[in-house]
Amino acid sequence: MLTKEECKEAVSILKDQHEYLSFNLRANYPFSIEMIREVQDCFEQLIKEHFDTPPYRFDELKINMWVWDEKEKKCNKIIEIEGKNIDFYYITESIDKFIVEFEEGRFFPVTKSMEHQK
């Protein structure tokens, strides 16, 4: 799997070479500079989505949803939402539930937890 930096470097190389690619590929394929730029934009968006996962907004959180808590560095299962308070079961040895107040930029999709496994 490529790192974020390697992916960004590949996109940078594509950007630097788009005119060359367009000219040389045009003989055999109907690629235009605009089409190559669209592919580059698509790659950049995929890199952003994969490596720069945006946090959840409060209205996106639902009961029984698993989230990554960036502050506690733990995965949580939401068991109740009351106002801005969220009841969680953290993945720990404890069976206790925890109540936290929603904070912007704190809760993410669980895929963000992979960054902490490296």
PDB file of N, CA and C in Angstrom:
ATOM      1  N   MET A   1       0.842  -1.168   0.000  1.00  0.00           N
ATOM      2  CA  MET A   1       0.000   0.000   0.000  1.00  0.00           C
ATOM      3  C   MET A   1       0.898   1.244   0.000  1.00  0.00           C
ATOM      4  N   LEU A   2       0.555   2.197  -0.827  1.00  0.00           N
ATOM      5  CA  LEU A   2       1.327   3.433  -0.909  1.00  0.00           C
ATOM      6  C   LEU A   2       1.015   4.347   0.267  1.00  0.00           C
ATOM      7  N   THR A   3       2.001   5.107   0.663  1.00  0.00           N
ATOM      8  CA  THR A   3       1.781   6.105   1.708  1.00  0.00           C
ATOM      9  C   THR A   3       1.145   7.344   1.090  1.00  0.00           C
ATOM     10  N   LYS A   4       0.676   8.225   1.938  1.00  0.00           N
ATOM     11  CA  LYS A   4       0.081   9.477   1.471  1.00  0.00           C
ATOM     12  C   LYS A   4       1.096  10.260   0.638  1.00  0.00           C
ATOM     13  N   GLU A   5       2.334  10.320   1.109  1.00  0.00           N
ATOM     14  CA  GLU A   5       3.368  11.067   0.391  1.00  0.00           C
ATOM     15  C   GLU A   5       3.648  10.460  -0.979  1.00  0.00           C
ATOM     16  N   GLU A   6       3.688   9.130  -1.058  1.00  0.00           N
ATOM     17  CA  GLU A   6       3.931   8.460  -2.345  1.00  0.00           C
ATOM     18  C   GLU A   6       2.784   8.719  -3.324  1.00  0.00           C
ATOM     19  N   CYS A   7       1.553   8.709  -2.825  1.00  0.00           N
ATOM     20  CA  CYS A   7       0.399   8.993  -3.679  1.00  0.00           C
ATOM     21  C   CYS A   7       0.460  10.424  -4.191  1.00  0.00           C
ATOM     22  N   LYS A   8       0.780  11.369  -3.301  1.00  0.00           N
ATOM     23  CA  LYS A   8       0.868  12.767  -3.721  1.00  0.00           C
ATOM     24  C   LYS A   8       1.996  12.963  -4.729  1.00  0.00           C
ATOM     25  N   GLU A   9       3.103  12.250  -4.553  1.00  0.00           N
ATOM     26  CA  GLU A   9       4.217  12.339  -5.502  1.00  0.00           C
ATOM     27  C   GLU A   9       3.790  11.821  -6.877  1.00  0.00           C
ATOM     28  N   ALA A  10       3.024  10.725  -6.904  1.00  0.00           N
ATOM     29  CA  ALA A  10       2.547  10.174  -8.176  1.00  0.00           C
ATOM     30  C   ALA A  10       1.645  11.171  -8.894  1.00  0.00           C
ATOM     31  N   VAL A  11       0.758  11.832  -8.158  1.00  0.00           N
ATOM     32  CA  VAL A  11      -0.117  12.841  -8.756  1.00  0.00           C
ATOM     33  C   VAL A  11       0.711  14.015  -9.265  1.00  0.00           C
ATOM     34  N   SER A  12       1.722  14.400  -8.515  1.00  0.00           N
ATOM     35  CA  SER A  12       2.596  15.491  -8.939  1.00  0.00           C
ATOM     36  C   SER A  12       3.311  15.149 -10.246  1.00  0.00           C
ATOM     37  N   ILE A  13       3.768  13.922 -10.355  1.00  0.00           N
ATOM     38  CA  ILE A  13       4.425  13.477 -11.591  1.00  0.00           C
ATOM     39  C   ILE A  13       3.443  13.526 -12.752  1.00  0.00           C
ATOM     40  N   LEU A  14       2.203  13.091 -12.505  1.00  0.00           N
ATOM     41  CA  LEU A  14       1.183  13.157 -13.554  1.00  0.00           C
ATOM     42  C   LEU A  14       0.954  14.597 -13.994  1.00  0.00           C
ATOM     43  N   LYS A  15       0.887  15.498 -13.034  1.00  0.00           N
ATOM     44  CA  LYS A  15       0.676  16.904 -13.374  1.00  0.00           C
ATOM     45  C   LYS A  15       1.817  17.438 -14.229  1.00  0.00           C
ATOM     46  N   ASP A  16       3.051  17.080 -13.841  1.00  0.00           N
ATOM     47  CA  ASP A  16       4.219  17.553 -14.583  1.00  0.00           C
ATOM     48  C   ASP A  16       4.267  16.980 -15.995  1.00  0.00           C
ATOM     49  N   GLN A  17       3.703  15.808 -16.162  1.00  0.00           N
ATOM     50  CA  GLN A  17       3.823  15.107 -17.431  1.00  0.00           C
ATOM     51  C   GLN A  17       2.549  15.133 -18.272  1.00  0.00           C
ATOM     52  N   HIS A  18       1.514  15.872 -17.863  1.00  0.00           N
ATOM     53  CA  HIS A  18       0.230  15.767 -18.565  1.00  0.00           C
ATOM     54  C   HIS A  18       0.319  16.178 -20.033  1.00  0.00           C
ATOM     55  N   GLU A  19       1.077  17.199 -20.363  1.00  0.00           N
ATOM     56  CA  GLU A  19       1.179  17.587 -21.774  1.00  0.00           C
ATOM     57  C   GLU A  19       1.918  16.522 -22.578  1.00  0.00           C
ATOM     58  N   TYR A  20       2.987  15.991 -21.991  1.00  0.00           N
ATOM     59  CA  TYR A  20       3.743  14.924 -22.658  1.00  0.00           C
ATOM     60  C   TYR A  20       2.850  13.708 -22.877  1.00  0.00           C
ATOM     61  N   LEU A  21       2.127  13.314 -21.825  1.00  0.00           N
ATOM     62  CA  LEU A  21       1.243  12.155 -21.939  1.00  0.00           C
ATOM     63  C   LEU A  21       0.165  12.391 -22.988  1.00  0.00           C
ATOM     64  N   SER A  22      -0.437  13.558 -22.946  1.00  0.00           N
ATOM     65  CA  SER A  22      -1.498  13.874 -23.883  1.00  0.00           C
ATOM     66  C   SER A  22      -1.000  13.815 -25.323  1.00  0.00           C
ATOM     67  N   PHE A  23       0.156  14.405 -25.588  1.00  0.00           N
ATOM     68  CA  PHE A  23       0.710  14.430 -26.939  1.00  0.00           C
ATOM     69  C   PHE A  23       1.052  13.020 -27.417  1.00  0.00           C
ATOM     70  N   ASN A  24       1.716  12.241 -26.581  1.00  0.00           N
ATOM     71  CA  ASN A  24       2.154  10.915 -26.993  1.00  0.00           C
ATOM     72  C   ASN A  24       1.035   9.885 -27.042  1.00  0.00           C
ATOM     73  N   LEU A  25       0.055  10.046 -26.208  1.00  0.00           N
ATOM     74  CA  LEU A  25      -1.053   9.091 -26.214  1.00  0.00           C
ATOM     75  C   LEU A  25      -2.075   9.402 -27.306  1.00  0.00           C
ATOM     76  N   ARG A  26      -2.109  10.664 -27.739  1.00  0.00           N
ATOM     77  CA  ARG A  26      -3.111  11.080 -28.711  1.00  0.00           C
ATOM     78  C   ARG A  26      -2.979  10.293 -30.024  1.00  0.00           C
ATOM     79  N   ALA A  27      -1.779   9.869 -30.351  1.00  0.00           N
ATOM     80  CA  ALA A  27      -1.568   9.114 -31.591  1.00  0.00           C
ATOM     81  C   ALA A  27      -2.367   7.807 -31.574  1.00  0.00           C
ATOM     82  N   ASN A  28      -2.477   7.184 -30.404  1.00  0.00           N
ATOM     83  CA  ASN A  28      -3.174   5.902 -30.304  1.00  0.00           C
ATOM     84  C   ASN A  28      -4.505   5.978 -29.562  1.00  0.00           C
ATOM     85  N   TYR A  29      -4.648   6.990 -28.722  1.00  0.00           N
ATOM     86  CA  TYR A  29      -5.850   7.105 -27.904  1.00  0.00           C
ATOM     87  C   TYR A  29      -6.358   8.546 -27.949  1.00  0.00           C
ATOM     88  N   PRO A  30      -7.645   8.717 -27.886  1.00  0.00           N
ATOM     89  CA  PRO A  30      -8.210  10.074 -27.965  1.00  0.00           C
ATOM     90  C   PRO A  30      -8.219  10.800 -26.623  1.00  0.00           C
ATOM     91  N   PHE A  31      -7.054  10.838 -25.934  1.00  0.00           N
ATOM     92  CA  PHE A  31      -6.971  11.530 -24.659  1.00  0.00           C
ATOM     93  C   PHE A  31      -6.688  13.005 -24.888  1.00  0.00           C
ATOM     94  N   SER A  32      -7.323  13.803 -24.094  1.00  0.00           N
ATOM     95  CA  SER A  32      -7.040  15.233 -24.151  1.00  0.00           C
ATOM     96  C   SER A  32      -6.390  15.646 -22.830  1.00  0.00           C
ATOM     97  N   ILE A  33      -5.796  16.819 -22.827  1.00  0.00           N
ATOM     98  CA  ILE A  33      -5.206  17.332 -21.590  1.00  0.00           C
ATOM     99  C   ILE A  33      -6.292  17.457 -20.527  1.00  0.00           C
ATOM    100  N   GLU A  34      -7.480  17.861 -20.917  1.00  0.00           N
ATOM    101  CA  GLU A  34      -8.582  18.016 -19.972  1.00  0.00           C
ATOM    102  C   GLU A  34      -8.959  16.674 -19.332  1.00  0.00           C
ATOM    103  N   MET A  35      -8.951  15.610 -20.151  1.00  0.00           N
ATOM    104  CA  MET A  35      -9.288  14.287 -19.620  1.00  0.00           C
ATOM    105  C   MET A  35      -8.233  13.832 -18.613  1.00  0.00           C
ATOM    106  N   ILE A  36      -6.965  14.088 -18.911  1.00  0.00           N
ATOM    107  CA  ILE A  36      -5.888  13.702 -18.000  1.00  0.00           C
ATOM    108  C   ILE A  36      -5.993  14.514 -16.714  1.00  0.00           C
ATOM    109  N   ARG A  37      -6.346  15.786 -16.838  1.00  0.00           N
ATOM    110  CA  ARG A  37      -6.519  16.623 -15.644  1.00  0.00           C
ATOM    111  C   ARG A  37      -7.681  16.118 -14.786  1.00  0.00           C
ATOM    112  N   GLU A  38      -8.736  15.651 -15.420  1.00  0.00           N
ATOM    113  CA  GLU A  38      -9.865  15.097 -14.667  1.00  0.00           C
ATOM    114  C   GLU A  38      -9.442  13.855 -13.890  1.00  0.00           C
ATOM    115  N   VAL A  39      -8.611  13.023 -14.509  1.00  0.00           N
ATOM    116  CA  VAL A  39      -8.098  11.838 -13.820  1.00  0.00           C
ATOM    117  C   VAL A  39      -7.237  12.258 -12.629  1.00  0.00           C
ATOM    118  N   GLN A  40      -6.397  13.271 -12.826  1.00  0.00           N
ATOM    119  CA  GLN A  40      -5.564  13.780 -11.733  1.00  0.00           C
ATOM    120  C   GLN A  40      -6.432  14.287 -10.588  1.00  0.00           C
ATOM    121  N   ASP A  41      -7.476  15.038 -10.923  1.00  0.00           N
ATOM    122  CA  ASP A  41      -8.381  15.555  -9.901  1.00  0.00           C
ATOM    123  C   ASP A  41      -9.045  14.419  -9.138  1.00  0.00           C
ATOM    124  N   CYS A  42      -9.420  13.380  -9.876  1.00  0.00           N
ATOM    125  CA  CYS A  42     -10.046  12.205  -9.253  1.00  0.00           C
ATOM    126  C   CYS A  42      -9.068  11.545  -8.276  1.00  0.00           C
ATOM    127  N   PHE A  43      -7.810  11.371  -8.711  1.00  0.00           N
ATOM    128  CA  PHE A  43      -6.791  10.794  -7.827  1.00  0.00           C
ATOM    129  C   PHE A  43      -6.605  11.647  -6.581  1.00  0.00           C
ATOM    130  N   GLU A  44      -6.542  12.958  -6.754  1.00  0.00           N
ATOM    131  CA  GLU A  44      -6.358  13.846  -5.608  1.00  0.00           C
ATOM    132  C   GLU A  44      -7.521  13.733  -4.626  1.00  0.00           C
ATOM    133  N   GLN A  45      -8.732  13.632  -5.146  1.00  0.00           N
ATOM    134  CA  GLN A  45      -9.899  13.482  -4.279  1.00  0.00           C
ATOM    135  C   GLN A  45      -9.852  12.150  -3.525  1.00  0.00           C
ATOM    136  N   LEU A  46      -9.469  11.085  -4.219  1.00  0.00           N
ATOM    137  CA  LEU A  46      -9.364   9.775  -3.566  1.00  0.00           C
ATOM    138  C   LEU A  46      -8.292   9.790  -2.481  1.00  0.00           C
ATOM    139  N   ILE A  47      -7.168  10.446  -2.746  1.00  0.00           N
ATOM    140  CA  ILE A  47      -6.106  10.560  -1.741  1.00  0.00           C
ATOM    141  C   ILE A  47      -6.631  11.310  -0.526  1.00  0.00           C
ATOM    142  N   LYS A  48      -7.324  12.401  -0.776  1.00  0.00           N
ATOM    143  CA  LYS A  48      -7.871  13.196   0.327  1.00  0.00           C
ATOM    144  C   LYS A  48      -8.856  12.370   1.152  1.00  0.00           C
ATOM    145  N   GLU A  49      -9.756  11.655   0.490  1.00  0.00           N
ATOM    146  CA  GLU A  49     -10.755  10.859   1.200  1.00  0.00           C
ATOM    147  C   GLU A  49     -10.109   9.724   1.979  1.00  0.00           C
ATOM    148  N   HIS A  50      -9.064   9.115   1.403  1.00  0.00           N
ATOM    149  CA  HIS A  50      -8.433   7.967   2.042  1.00  0.00           C
ATOM    150  C   HIS A  50      -7.533   8.378   3.201  1.00  0.00           C
ATOM    151  N   PHE A  51      -6.743   9.420   3.004  1.00  0.00           N
ATOM    152  CA  PHE A  51      -5.753   9.799   4.006  1.00  0.00           C
ATOM    153  C   PHE A  51      -6.209  10.921   4.924  1.00  0.00           C
ATOM    154  N   ASP A  52      -7.087  11.765   4.466  1.00  0.00           N
ATOM    155  CA  ASP A  52      -7.521  12.915   5.251  1.00  0.00           C
ATOM    156  C   ASP A  52      -9.005  12.804   5.558  1.00  0.00           C
ATOM    157  N   THR A  53      -9.357  11.746   6.261  1.00  0.00           N
ATOM    158  CA  THR A  53     -10.754  11.483   6.574  1.00  0.00           C
ATOM    159  C   THR A  53     -11.334  12.634   7.389  1.00  0.00           C
ATOM    160  N   PRO A  54     -12.424  13.236   6.903  1.00  0.00           N
ATOM    161  CA  PRO A  54     -13.018  14.335   7.678  1.00  0.00           C
ATOM    162  C   PRO A  54     -13.758  13.800   8.906  1.00  0.00           C
ATOM    163  N   PRO A  55     -13.814  14.582   9.980  1.00  0.00           N
ATOM    164  CA  PRO A  55     -14.550  14.147  11.168  1.00  0.00           C
ATOM    165  C   PRO A  55     -16.057  14.182  10.901  1.00  0.00           C
ATOM    166  N   TYR A  56     -16.771  13.426  11.720  1.00  0.00           N
ATOM    167  CA  TYR A  56     -18.231  13.451  11.624  1.00  0.00           C
ATOM    168  C   TYR A  56     -18.768  14.772  12.172  1.00  0.00           C
ATOM    169  N   ARG A  57     -19.837  15.230  11.559  1.00  0.00           N
ATOM    170  CA  ARG A  57     -20.628  16.318  12.146  1.00  0.00           C
ATOM    171  C   ARG A  57     -21.595  15.665  13.143  1.00  0.00           C
ATOM    172  N   PHE A  58     -22.099  16.430  14.065  1.00  0.00           N
ATOM    173  CA  PHE A  58     -22.985  15.867  15.082  1.00  0.00           C
ATOM    174  C   PHE A  58     -24.198  15.180  14.457  1.00  0.00           C
ATOM    175  N   ASP A  59     -24.763  15.801  13.423  1.00  0.00           N
ATOM    176  CA  ASP A  59     -25.977  15.241  12.808  1.00  0.00           C
ATOM    177  C   ASP A  59     -25.720  13.935  12.055  1.00  0.00           C
ATOM    178  N   GLU A  60     -24.466  13.565  11.852  1.00  0.00           N
ATOM    179  CA  GLU A  60     -24.145  12.311  11.173  1.00  0.00           C
ATOM    180  C   GLU A  60     -24.038  11.126  12.140  1.00  0.00           C
ATOM    181  N   LEU A  61     -23.927  11.408  13.432  1.00  0.00           N
ATOM    182  CA  LEU A  61     -23.781  10.340  14.423  1.00  0.00           C
ATOM    183  C   LEU A  61     -25.129   9.692  14.708  1.00  0.00           C
ATOM    184  N   LYS A  62     -25.111   8.361  14.773  1.00  0.00           N
ATOM    185  CA  LYS A  62     -26.335   7.590  14.996  1.00  0.00           C
ATOM    186  C   LYS A  62     -26.102   6.529  16.062  1.00  0.00           C
ATOM    187  N   ILE A  63     -27.170   6.111  16.727  1.00  0.00           N
ATOM    188  CA  ILE A  63     -27.105   5.032  17.712  1.00  0.00           C
ATOM    189  C   ILE A  63     -26.660   3.739  17.006  1.00  0.00           C
ATOM    190  N   ASN A  64     -25.842   2.945  17.691  1.00  0.00           N
ATOM    191  CA  ASN A  64     -25.263   1.683  17.216  1.00  0.00           C
ATOM    192  C   ASN A  64     -24.157   1.877  16.181  1.00  0.00           C
ATOM    193  N   MET A  65     -23.756   3.097  15.965  1.00  0.00           N
ATOM    194  CA  MET A  65     -22.674   3.397  15.021  1.00  0.00           C
ATOM    195  C   MET A  65     -21.339   3.286  15.745  1.00  0.00           C
ATOM    196  N   TRP A  66     -20.337   2.706  15.070  1.00  0.00           N
ATOM    197  CA  TRP A  66     -18.976   2.662  15.602  1.00  0.00           C
ATOM    198  C   TRP A  66     -18.209   3.853  15.069  1.00  0.00           C
ATOM    199  N   VAL A  67     -17.467   4.520  15.945  1.00  0.00           N
ATOM    200  CA  VAL A  67     -16.678   5.687  15.547  1.00  0.00           C
ATOM    201  C   VAL A  67     -15.291   5.606  16.187  1.00  0.00           C
ATOM    202  N   TRP A  68     -14.358   6.329  15.599  1.00  0.00           N
ATOM    203  CA  TRP A  68     -13.030   6.498  16.182  1.00  0.00           C
ATOM    204  C   TRP A  68     -13.032   7.799  16.973  1.00  0.00           C
ATOM    205  N   ASP A  69     -12.636   7.731  18.239  1.00  0.00           N
ATOM    206  CA  ASP A  69     -12.528   8.911  19.098  1.00  0.00           C
ATOM    207  C   ASP A  69     -11.069   9.353  19.063  1.00  0.00           C
ATOM    208  N   GLU A  70     -10.802  10.431  18.355  1.00  0.00           N
ATOM    209  CA  GLU A  70      -9.427  10.910  18.180  1.00  0.00           C
ATOM    210  C   GLU A  70      -8.822  11.382  19.502  1.00  0.00           C
ATOM    211  N   LYS A  71      -9.634  11.905  20.380  1.00  0.00           N
ATOM    212  CA  LYS A  71      -9.132  12.403  21.663  1.00  0.00           C
ATOM    213  C   LYS A  71      -8.674  11.250  22.562  1.00  0.00           C
ATOM    214  N   GLU A  72      -9.472  10.195  22.635  1.00  0.00           N
ATOM    215  CA  GLU A  72      -9.158   9.043  23.482  1.00  0.00           C
ATOM    216  C   GLU A  72      -8.351   7.966  22.754  1.00  0.00           C
ATOM    217  N   LYS A  73      -8.264   8.089  21.425  1.00  0.00           N
ATOM    218  CA  LYS A  73      -7.559   7.099  20.589  1.00  0.00           C
ATOM    219  C   LYS A  73      -8.155   5.704  20.772  1.00  0.00           C
ATOM    220  N   LYS A  74      -9.507   5.641  20.695  1.00  0.00           N
ATOM    221  CA  LYS A  74     -10.222   4.377  20.877  1.00  0.00           C
ATOM    222  C   LYS A  74     -11.426   4.328  19.944  1.00  0.00           C
ATOM    223  N   CYS A  75     -11.826   3.107  19.614  1.00  0.00           N
ATOM    224  CA  CYS A  75     -13.080   2.912  18.878  1.00  0.00           C
ATOM    225  C   CYS A  75     -14.217   2.843  19.892  1.00  0.00           C
ATOM    226  N   ASN A  76     -15.363   3.380  19.504  1.00  0.00           N
ATOM    227  CA  ASN A  76     -16.516   3.434  20.385  1.00  0.00           C
ATOM    228  C   ASN A  76     -17.768   3.005  19.641  1.00  0.00           C
ATOM    229  N   LYS A  77     -18.688   2.451  20.384  1.00  0.00           N
ATOM    230  CA  LYS A  77     -20.019   2.183  19.846  1.00  0.00           C
ATOM    231  C   LYS A  77     -20.978   3.141  20.538  1.00  0.00           C
ATOM    232  N   ILE A  78     -21.682   3.922  19.731  1.00  0.00           N
ATOM    233  CA  ILE A  78     -22.647   4.874  20.288  1.00  0.00           C
ATOM    234  C   ILE A  78     -23.865   4.092  20.767  1.00  0.00           C
ATOM    235  N   ILE A  79     -24.231   4.276  22.031  1.00  0.00           N
ATOM    236  CA  ILE A  79     -25.393   3.550  22.545  1.00  0.00           C
ATOM    237  C   ILE A  79     -26.575   4.471  22.831  1.00  0.00           C
ATOM    238  N   GLU A  80     -26.297   5.769  22.951  1.00  0.00           N
ATOM    239  CA  GLU A  80     -27.389   6.715  23.182  1.00  0.00           C
ATOM    240  C   GLU A  80     -26.905   8.122  22.862  1.00  0.00           C
ATOM    241  N   ILE A  81     -27.812   8.957  22.391  1.00  0.00           N
ATOM    242  CA  ILE A  81     -27.513  10.364  22.129  1.00  0.00           C
ATOM    243  C   ILE A  81     -28.621  11.189  22.762  1.00  0.00           C
ATOM    244  N   GLU A  82     -28.223  12.073  23.665  1.00  0.00           N
ATOM    245  CA  GLU A  82     -29.175  12.963  24.332  1.00  0.00           C
ATOM    246  C   GLU A  82     -28.616  14.374  24.274  1.00  0.00           C
ATOM    247  N   GLY A  83     -29.262  15.244  23.532  1.00  0.00           N
ATOM    248  CA  GLY A  83     -28.734  16.593  23.357  1.00  0.00           C
ATOM    249  C   GLY A  83     -27.380  16.509  22.676  1.00  0.00           C
ATOM    250  N   LYS A  84     -26.376  17.116  23.284  1.00  0.00           N
ATOM    251  CA  LYS A  84     -25.010  17.027  22.740  1.00  0.00           C
ATOM    252  C   LYS A  84     -24.193  15.954  23.445  1.00  0.00           C
ATOM    253  N   ASN A  85     -24.830  15.218  24.385  1.00  0.00           N
ATOM    254  CA  ASN A  85     -24.138  14.136  25.079  1.00  0.00           C
ATOM    255  C   ASN A  85     -24.289  12.833  24.307  1.00  0.00           C
ATOM    256  N   ILE A  86     -23.198  12.097  24.251  1.00  0.00           N
ATOM    257  CA  ILE A  86     -23.177  10.823  23.540  1.00  0.00           C
ATOM    258  C   ILE A  86     -22.717   9.750  24.515  1.00  0.00           C
ATOM    259  N   ASP A  87     -23.504   8.695  24.660  1.00  0.00           N
ATOM    260  CA  ASP A  87     -23.122   7.562  25.504  1.00  0.00           C
ATOM    261  C   ASP A  87     -22.402   6.542  24.642  1.00  0.00           C
ATOM    262  N   PHE A  88     -21.244   6.087  25.129  1.00  0.00           N
ATOM    263  CA  PHE A  88     -20.417   5.150  24.387  1.00  0.00           C
ATOM    264  C   PHE A  88     -20.103   3.915  25.204  1.00  0.00           C
ATOM    265  N   TYR A  89     -19.846   2.837  24.492  1.00  0.00           N
ATOM    266  CA  TYR A  89     -19.088   1.724  25.035  1.00  0.00           C
ATOM    267  C   TYR A  89     -17.754   1.789  24.320  1.00  0.00           C
ATOM    268  N   TYR A  90     -16.686   2.031  25.051  1.00  0.00           N
ATOM    269  CA  TYR A  90     -15.350   2.021  24.462  1.00  0.00           C
ATOM    270  C   TYR A  90     -14.879   0.572  24.374  1.00  0.00           C
ATOM    271  N   ILE A  91     -14.006   0.308  23.418  1.00  0.00           N
ATOM    272  CA  ILE A  91     -13.409  -1.019  23.339  1.00  0.00           C
ATOM    273  C   ILE A  91     -12.303  -1.062  24.395  1.00  0.00           C
ATOM    274  N   THR A  92     -12.653  -1.576  25.551  1.00  0.00           N
ATOM    275  CA  THR A  92     -11.700  -1.726  26.658  1.00  0.00           C
ATOM    276  C   THR A  92     -12.063  -2.990  27.408  1.00  0.00           C
ATOM    277  N   GLU A  93     -11.332  -3.243  28.460  1.00  0.00           N
ATOM    278  CA  GLU A  93     -11.660  -4.401  29.297  1.00  0.00           C
ATOM    279  C   GLU A  93     -12.880  -4.126  30.170  1.00  0.00           C
ATOM    280  N   SER A  94     -13.229  -2.867  30.320  1.00  0.00           N
ATOM    281  CA  SER A  94     -14.338  -2.470  31.178  1.00  0.00           C
ATOM    282  C   SER A  94     -15.672  -2.587  30.447  1.00  0.00           C
ATOM    283  N   ILE A  95     -16.721  -2.898  31.186  1.00  0.00           N
ATOM    284  CA  ILE A  95     -18.060  -2.931  30.591  1.00  0.00           C
ATOM    285  C   ILE A  95     -18.822  -1.634  30.887  1.00  0.00           C
ATOM    286  N   ASP A  96     -18.126  -0.681  31.497  1.00  0.00           N
ATOM    287  CA  ASP A  96     -18.748   0.606  31.827  1.00  0.00           C
ATOM    288  C   ASP A  96     -19.045   1.395  30.565  1.00  0.00           C
ATOM    289  N   LYS A  97     -20.111   2.177  30.649  1.00  0.00           N
ATOM    290  CA  LYS A  97     -20.379   3.100  29.545  1.00  0.00           C
ATOM    291  C   LYS A  97     -19.843   4.465  29.934  1.00  0.00           C
ATOM    292  N   PHE A  98     -19.538   5.260  28.930  1.00  0.00           N
ATOM    293  CA  PHE A  98     -18.979   6.583  29.133  1.00  0.00           C
ATOM    294  C   PHE A  98     -19.852   7.600  28.429  1.00  0.00           C
ATOM    295  N   ILE A  99     -20.038   8.744  29.060  1.00  0.00           N
ATOM    296  CA  ILE A  99     -20.814   9.823  28.462  1.00  0.00           C
ATOM    297  C   ILE A  99     -19.851  10.968  28.163  1.00  0.00           C
ATOM    298  N   VAL A 100     -19.854  11.400  26.914  1.00  0.00           N
ATOM    299  CA  VAL A 100     -18.998  12.523  26.530  1.00  0.00           C
ATOM    300  C   VAL A 100     -19.844  13.547  25.789  1.00  0.00           C
ATOM    301  N   GLU A 101     -19.401  14.787  25.840  1.00  0.00           N
ATOM    302  CA  GLU A 101     -20.074  15.843  25.096  1.00  0.00           C
ATOM    303  C   GLU A 101     -19.443  15.918  23.715  1.00  0.00           C
ATOM    304  N   PHE A 102     -20.263  16.091  22.703  1.00  0.00           N
ATOM    305  CA  PHE A 102     -19.768  16.184  21.335  1.00  0.00           C
ATOM    306  C   PHE A 102     -18.790  17.345  21.208  1.00  0.00           C
ATOM    307  N   GLU A 103     -17.673  17.087  20.503  1.00  0.00           N
ATOM    308  CA  GLU A 103     -16.690  18.120  20.189  1.00  0.00           C
ATOM    309  C   GLU A 103     -16.401  18.044  18.696  1.00  0.00           C
ATOM    310  N   GLU A 104     -16.361  19.191  18.047  1.00  0.00           N
ATOM    311  CA  GLU A 104     -16.012  19.232  16.627  1.00  0.00           C
ATOM    312  C   GLU A 104     -14.612  18.640  16.423  1.00  0.00           C
ATOM    313  N   GLY A 105     -14.455  17.846  15.380  1.00  0.00           N
ATOM    314  CA  GLY A 105     -13.142  17.310  15.034  1.00  0.00           C
ATOM    315  C   GLY A 105     -12.682  16.160  15.901  1.00  0.00           C
ATOM    316  N   ARG A 106     -13.568  15.567  16.689  1.00  0.00           N
ATOM    317  CA  ARG A 106     -13.166  14.489  17.602  1.00  0.00           C
ATOM    318  C   ARG A 106     -13.522  13.101  17.088  1.00  0.00           C
ATOM    319  N   PHE A 107     -14.669  12.947  16.427  1.00  0.00           N
ATOM    320  CA  PHE A 107     -15.167  11.625  16.050  1.00  0.00           C
ATOM    321  C   PHE A 107     -15.059  11.407  14.545  1.00  0.00           C
ATOM    322  N   PHE A 108     -14.491  10.253  14.176  1.00  0.00           N
ATOM    323  CA  PHE A 108     -14.195   9.941  12.776  1.00  0.00           C
ATOM    324  C   PHE A 108     -14.696   8.541  12.432  1.00  0.00           C
ATOM    325  N   PRO A 109     -14.762   8.227  11.118  1.00  0.00           N
ATOM    326  CA  PRO A 109     -15.006   6.833  10.728  1.00  0.00           C
ATOM    327  C   PRO A 109     -13.902   5.943  11.306  1.00  0.00           C
ATOM    328  N   VAL A 110     -14.227   4.699  11.601  1.00  0.00           N
ATOM    329  CA  VAL A 110     -13.259   3.812  12.243  1.00  0.00           C
ATOM    330  C   VAL A 110     -12.027   3.561  11.378  1.00  0.00           C
ATOM    331  N   THR A 111     -12.104   3.808  10.079  1.00  0.00           N
ATOM    332  CA  THR A 111     -10.931   3.620   9.225  1.00  0.00           C
ATOM    333  C   THR A 111      -9.787   4.542   9.635  1.00  0.00           C
ATOM    334  N   LYS A 112     -10.089   5.642  10.290  1.00  0.00           N
ATOM    335  CA  LYS A 112      -9.040   6.553  10.765  1.00  0.00           C
ATOM    336  C   LYS A 112      -8.170   5.856  11.808  1.00  0.00           C
ATOM    337  N   SER A 113      -8.706   4.860  12.490  1.00  0.00           N
ATOM    338  CA  SER A 113      -7.934   4.153  13.508  1.00  0.00           C
ATOM    339  C   SER A 113      -6.717   3.442  12.907  1.00  0.00           C
ATOM    340  N   MET A 114      -6.747   3.161  11.609  1.00  0.00           N
ATOM    341  CA  MET A 114      -5.611   2.497  10.963  1.00  0.00           C
ATOM    342  C   MET A 114      -4.352   3.347  11.019  1.00  0.00           C
ATOM    343  N   GLU A 115      -4.506   4.670  11.051  1.00  0.00           N
ATOM    344  CA  GLU A 115      -3.349   5.553  11.139  1.00  0.00           C
ATOM    345  C   GLU A 115      -2.580   5.308  12.441  1.00  0.00           C
ATOM    346  N   HIS A 116      -3.276   4.896  13.486  1.00  0.00           N
ATOM    347  CA  HIS A 116      -2.655   4.720  14.799  1.00  0.00           C
ATOM    348  C   HIS A 116      -2.071   3.320  14.970  1.00  0.00           C
ATOM    349  N   GLN A 117      -2.328   2.439  14.017  1.00  0.00           N
ATOM    350  CA  GLN A 117      -1.788   1.083  14.091  1.00  0.00           C
ATOM    351  C   GLN A 117      -0.380   1.015  13.515  1.00  0.00           C
ATOM    352  N   LYS A 118       0.046   2.059  12.796  1.00  0.00           N
ATOM    353  CA  LYS A 118       1.363   2.048  12.160  1.00  0.00           C
ATOM    354  C   LYS A 118       2.456   2.336  13.145  1.00  0.00           C
TER     355      LYS A 118
END
